[in-house]
């Protein structure tokens, strides 16, 4: 669910709704601007809640990976294949 943000103290403001192809869009005033270019949207009754999607760093993603086990090892190399050689481009 959404976390508290530093701008939670701002009073509400009316914003313009408009059509963008087949989607409805809202023009967000500059003082309510969200970071990034993606949001998660939640519905609570007749309210919509927008929450910025924060991108995880590559190090954070790698840290969450489980180590490879014996069943995850790469298959044996086919010894009947020709050996690799340098190719001039």
N, C-alpha and C. Protein backbone atom coordinates (compact mmCIF):
# COMPACT_ATOMS: atom_id res chain seq x y z
N UNK A 1 0.83 -1.17 0.00
CA UNK A 1 0.00 0.00 0.00
C UNK A 1 0.88 1.24 0.00
N UNK A 2 0.32 2.39 -0.33
CA UNK A 2 1.12 3.60 -0.42
C UNK A 2 1.75 3.97 0.92
N UNK A 3 2.96 4.50 0.82
CA UNK A 3 3.65 4.98 2.01
C UNK A 3 3.45 6.48 2.10
N UNK A 4 3.68 7.04 3.29
CA UNK A 4 3.59 8.48 3.46
C UNK A 4 4.69 9.16 2.66
N UNK A 5 4.38 10.26 2.02
CA UNK A 5 5.34 11.02 1.23
C UNK A 5 5.50 12.41 1.85
N UNK A 6 6.54 13.10 1.45
CA UNK A 6 6.79 14.42 2.02
C UNK A 6 5.73 15.44 1.63
N UNK A 7 4.95 15.18 0.58
CA UNK A 7 3.94 16.13 0.13
C UNK A 7 2.54 15.81 0.65
N UNK A 8 2.43 14.90 1.63
CA UNK A 8 1.11 14.54 2.15
C UNK A 8 0.39 15.72 2.80
N UNK A 9 1.13 16.74 3.15
CA UNK A 9 0.52 17.88 3.84
C UNK A 9 -0.16 18.86 2.88
N UNK A 10 0.00 18.69 1.56
CA UNK A 10 -0.59 19.61 0.60
C UNK A 10 -2.12 19.43 0.58
N UNK A 11 -2.84 20.55 0.51
CA UNK A 11 -4.30 20.43 0.42
C UNK A 11 -4.70 19.88 -0.94
N UNK A 12 -5.89 19.30 -1.03
CA UNK A 12 -6.36 18.76 -2.30
C UNK A 12 -6.57 19.85 -3.34
N UNK A 13 -6.47 19.48 -4.58
CA UNK A 13 -6.70 20.40 -5.70
C UNK A 13 -7.50 19.69 -6.76
N UNK A 14 -8.28 20.44 -7.51
CA UNK A 14 -9.00 19.88 -8.64
C UNK A 14 -8.04 19.75 -9.82
N UNK A 15 -8.15 18.63 -10.56
CA UNK A 15 -7.29 18.39 -11.72
C UNK A 15 -8.16 18.03 -12.92
N UNK A 16 -7.62 18.25 -14.09
CA UNK A 16 -8.35 18.02 -15.33
C UNK A 16 -8.23 16.57 -15.78
N UNK A 17 -9.36 15.97 -16.14
CA UNK A 17 -9.40 14.64 -16.76
C UNK A 17 -9.54 14.84 -18.26
N UNK A 18 -8.90 13.97 -19.04
CA UNK A 18 -9.02 14.04 -20.49
C UNK A 18 -8.83 12.66 -21.09
N UNK A 19 -9.09 12.53 -22.38
CA UNK A 19 -8.95 11.27 -23.08
C UNK A 19 -7.61 11.24 -23.80
N UNK A 20 -6.94 10.09 -23.73
CA UNK A 20 -5.71 9.83 -24.47
C UNK A 20 -5.95 8.51 -25.20
N UNK A 21 -6.34 8.58 -26.46
CA UNK A 21 -6.80 7.43 -27.22
C UNK A 21 -7.99 6.81 -26.50
N UNK A 22 -7.91 5.54 -26.07
CA UNK A 22 -9.05 4.91 -25.40
C UNK A 22 -8.92 4.92 -23.88
N UNK A 23 -7.89 5.61 -23.37
CA UNK A 23 -7.67 5.67 -21.92
C UNK A 23 -8.05 7.04 -21.37
N UNK A 24 -8.48 7.04 -20.13
CA UNK A 24 -8.71 8.30 -19.44
C UNK A 24 -7.41 8.68 -18.75
N UNK A 25 -7.05 9.95 -18.78
CA UNK A 25 -5.82 10.43 -18.16
C UNK A 25 -6.14 11.61 -17.26
N UNK A 26 -5.23 11.90 -16.35
CA UNK A 26 -5.40 13.04 -15.46
C UNK A 26 -4.16 13.92 -15.58
N UNK A 27 -4.36 15.22 -15.66
CA UNK A 27 -3.26 16.16 -15.71
C UNK A 27 -2.87 16.48 -14.26
N UNK A 28 -1.67 16.04 -13.86
CA UNK A 28 -1.23 16.21 -12.48
C UNK A 28 -0.52 17.55 -12.35
N UNK A 29 -1.00 18.42 -11.45
CA UNK A 29 -0.34 19.72 -11.26
C UNK A 29 1.12 19.54 -10.83
N UNK A 30 1.96 20.50 -11.18
CA UNK A 30 3.41 20.43 -10.93
C UNK A 30 3.73 20.20 -9.46
N UNK A 31 2.97 20.80 -8.55
CA UNK A 31 3.29 20.64 -7.13
C UNK A 31 2.89 19.25 -6.59
N UNK A 32 2.24 18.42 -7.42
CA UNK A 32 1.93 17.04 -7.05
C UNK A 32 2.73 16.05 -7.89
N UNK A 33 3.73 16.53 -8.62
CA UNK A 33 4.49 15.69 -9.55
C UNK A 33 5.10 14.49 -8.83
N UNK A 34 5.05 13.34 -9.50
CA UNK A 34 5.61 12.09 -8.97
C UNK A 34 6.95 11.81 -9.64
N UNK A 35 7.87 11.16 -8.94
CA UNK A 35 9.16 10.81 -9.57
C UNK A 35 8.99 9.66 -10.55
N UNK A 36 9.88 9.57 -11.53
CA UNK A 36 9.90 8.46 -12.46
C UNK A 36 8.89 8.61 -13.58
N UNK A 37 8.66 7.50 -14.29
CA UNK A 37 7.74 7.53 -15.43
C UNK A 37 6.68 6.42 -15.36
N UNK A 38 6.58 5.74 -14.21
CA UNK A 38 5.59 4.68 -14.04
C UNK A 38 4.99 4.77 -12.65
N UNK A 39 3.72 4.36 -12.53
CA UNK A 39 3.04 4.33 -11.24
C UNK A 39 2.26 3.03 -11.12
N UNK A 40 2.03 2.60 -9.88
CA UNK A 40 1.06 1.54 -9.59
C UNK A 40 -0.23 2.28 -9.25
N UNK A 41 -1.34 1.73 -9.69
CA UNK A 41 -2.64 2.36 -9.42
C UNK A 41 -3.49 1.38 -8.63
N UNK A 42 -4.11 1.86 -7.58
CA UNK A 42 -4.97 1.05 -6.71
C UNK A 42 -6.33 1.72 -6.62
N UNK A 43 -7.36 0.92 -6.46
CA UNK A 43 -8.71 1.45 -6.26
C UNK A 43 -9.14 1.12 -4.84
N UNK A 44 -9.64 2.12 -4.13
CA UNK A 44 -10.25 1.95 -2.81
C UNK A 44 -11.61 2.62 -2.87
N UNK A 45 -12.63 1.82 -3.12
CA UNK A 45 -13.96 2.38 -3.30
C UNK A 45 -13.97 3.26 -4.53
N UNK A 46 -14.37 4.55 -4.37
CA UNK A 46 -14.37 5.45 -5.53
C UNK A 46 -13.09 6.29 -5.60
N UNK A 47 -12.08 5.93 -4.82
CA UNK A 47 -10.79 6.63 -4.83
C UNK A 47 -9.76 5.84 -5.63
N UNK A 48 -8.91 6.55 -6.37
CA UNK A 48 -7.77 5.95 -7.05
C UNK A 48 -6.51 6.44 -6.36
N UNK A 49 -5.59 5.53 -6.11
CA UNK A 49 -4.34 5.88 -5.44
C UNK A 49 -3.20 5.59 -6.40
N UNK A 50 -2.35 6.57 -6.64
CA UNK A 50 -1.18 6.42 -7.50
C UNK A 50 0.05 6.34 -6.63
N UNK A 51 0.90 5.37 -6.90
CA UNK A 51 2.14 5.20 -6.14
C UNK A 51 3.29 5.05 -7.13
N UNK A 52 4.35 5.87 -7.00
CA UNK A 52 5.47 5.75 -7.93
C UNK A 52 6.09 4.36 -7.88
N UNK A 53 6.50 3.85 -9.04
CA UNK A 53 7.23 2.59 -9.12
C UNK A 53 8.70 2.93 -9.06
N UNK A 54 9.36 2.45 -8.04
CA UNK A 54 10.79 2.73 -7.90
C UNK A 54 11.56 1.56 -8.50
N UNK A 55 12.47 1.87 -9.40
CA UNK A 55 13.28 0.83 -10.04
C UNK A 55 14.32 0.34 -9.06
N UNK A 56 14.50 -0.98 -9.03
CA UNK A 56 15.50 -1.60 -8.16
C UNK A 56 16.84 -1.59 -8.88
N UNK A 57 17.90 -1.44 -8.14
CA UNK A 57 19.22 -1.48 -8.74
C UNK A 57 19.55 -2.92 -9.13
N UNK A 58 20.47 -3.07 -10.06
CA UNK A 58 20.89 -4.40 -10.49
C UNK A 58 21.47 -5.17 -9.31
N UNK A 59 22.23 -4.51 -8.44
CA UNK A 59 22.79 -5.18 -7.27
C UNK A 59 21.70 -5.72 -6.36
N UNK A 60 20.61 -4.98 -6.19
CA UNK A 60 19.50 -5.44 -5.35
C UNK A 60 18.82 -6.66 -5.97
N UNK A 61 18.64 -6.65 -7.29
CA UNK A 61 18.03 -7.80 -7.97
C UNK A 61 18.93 -9.02 -7.83
N UNK A 62 20.24 -8.85 -8.07
CA UNK A 62 21.17 -9.98 -7.96
C UNK A 62 21.23 -10.52 -6.54
N UNK A 63 21.14 -9.64 -5.54
CA UNK A 63 21.20 -10.08 -4.14
C UNK A 63 20.01 -10.96 -3.78
N UNK A 64 18.88 -10.79 -4.46
CA UNK A 64 17.68 -11.58 -4.17
C UNK A 64 17.68 -12.94 -4.87
N UNK A 65 18.60 -13.19 -5.79
CA UNK A 65 18.63 -14.46 -6.50
C UNK A 65 19.12 -15.57 -5.58
N UNK A 66 18.52 -16.73 -5.74
CA UNK A 66 18.95 -17.91 -4.99
C UNK A 66 20.19 -18.49 -5.67
N UNK A 67 21.12 -19.05 -4.90
CA UNK A 67 22.29 -19.68 -5.52
C UNK A 67 21.88 -20.89 -6.35
N UNK A 68 22.67 -21.17 -7.38
CA UNK A 68 22.40 -22.33 -8.22
C UNK A 68 22.71 -23.60 -7.46
N UNK A 69 21.87 -24.60 -7.60
CA UNK A 69 22.11 -25.89 -6.98
C UNK A 69 22.52 -26.90 -8.04
N UNK A 70 22.78 -28.14 -7.63
CA UNK A 70 23.23 -29.17 -8.58
C UNK A 70 22.23 -29.38 -9.72
N UNK A 71 20.94 -29.26 -9.44
CA UNK A 71 19.93 -29.49 -10.48
C UNK A 71 19.88 -28.33 -11.48
N UNK A 72 20.49 -27.19 -11.14
CA UNK A 72 20.47 -26.01 -12.01
C UNK A 72 21.72 -25.89 -12.88
N UNK A 73 22.63 -26.86 -12.80
CA UNK A 73 23.88 -26.76 -13.54
C UNK A 73 23.64 -26.86 -15.05
N UNK A 74 24.57 -26.29 -15.79
CA UNK A 74 24.47 -26.31 -17.24
C UNK A 74 24.69 -27.73 -17.75
N UNK A 75 24.08 -28.06 -18.89
CA UNK A 75 24.28 -29.41 -19.43
C UNK A 75 25.72 -29.59 -19.92
N UNK A 76 26.14 -30.83 -20.04
CA UNK A 76 27.47 -31.14 -20.56
C UNK A 76 27.58 -30.66 -22.00
N UNK A 77 28.81 -30.31 -22.40
CA UNK A 77 29.05 -29.85 -23.76
C UNK A 77 29.11 -31.06 -24.68
N UNK A 78 28.49 -30.93 -25.83
CA UNK A 78 28.51 -32.01 -26.83
C UNK A 78 29.90 -32.07 -27.44
N UNK A 79 30.63 -33.12 -27.16
CA UNK A 79 32.02 -33.26 -27.61
C UNK A 79 32.13 -33.49 -29.11
N UNK A 80 31.01 -33.78 -29.79
CA UNK A 80 31.06 -34.02 -31.24
C UNK A 80 31.08 -32.71 -32.03
N UNK A 81 30.88 -31.58 -31.36
CA UNK A 81 30.89 -30.28 -32.04
C UNK A 81 32.30 -29.89 -32.40
N UNK A 82 32.45 -29.12 -33.46
CA UNK A 82 33.77 -28.61 -33.84
C UNK A 82 34.25 -27.63 -32.77
N UNK A 83 35.56 -27.53 -32.55
CA UNK A 83 36.06 -26.59 -31.55
C UNK A 83 35.85 -25.16 -32.01
N UNK A 84 35.70 -24.21 -31.09
CA UNK A 84 35.50 -22.80 -31.49
C UNK A 84 36.77 -22.27 -32.17
N UNK A 85 36.59 -21.30 -33.08
CA UNK A 85 37.73 -20.69 -33.74
C UNK A 85 37.47 -19.20 -33.90
N UNK A 86 38.52 -18.43 -34.05
CA UNK A 86 38.41 -16.99 -34.25
C UNK A 86 37.81 -16.71 -35.63
N UNK A 87 36.96 -15.72 -35.71
CA UNK A 87 36.35 -15.34 -36.98
C UNK A 87 36.66 -13.86 -37.20
N UNK A 88 37.22 -13.52 -38.37
CA UNK A 88 37.49 -12.12 -38.72
C UNK A 88 36.21 -11.51 -39.27
N UNK A 89 35.88 -10.33 -38.78
CA UNK A 89 34.67 -9.64 -39.27
C UNK A 89 35.02 -8.58 -40.26
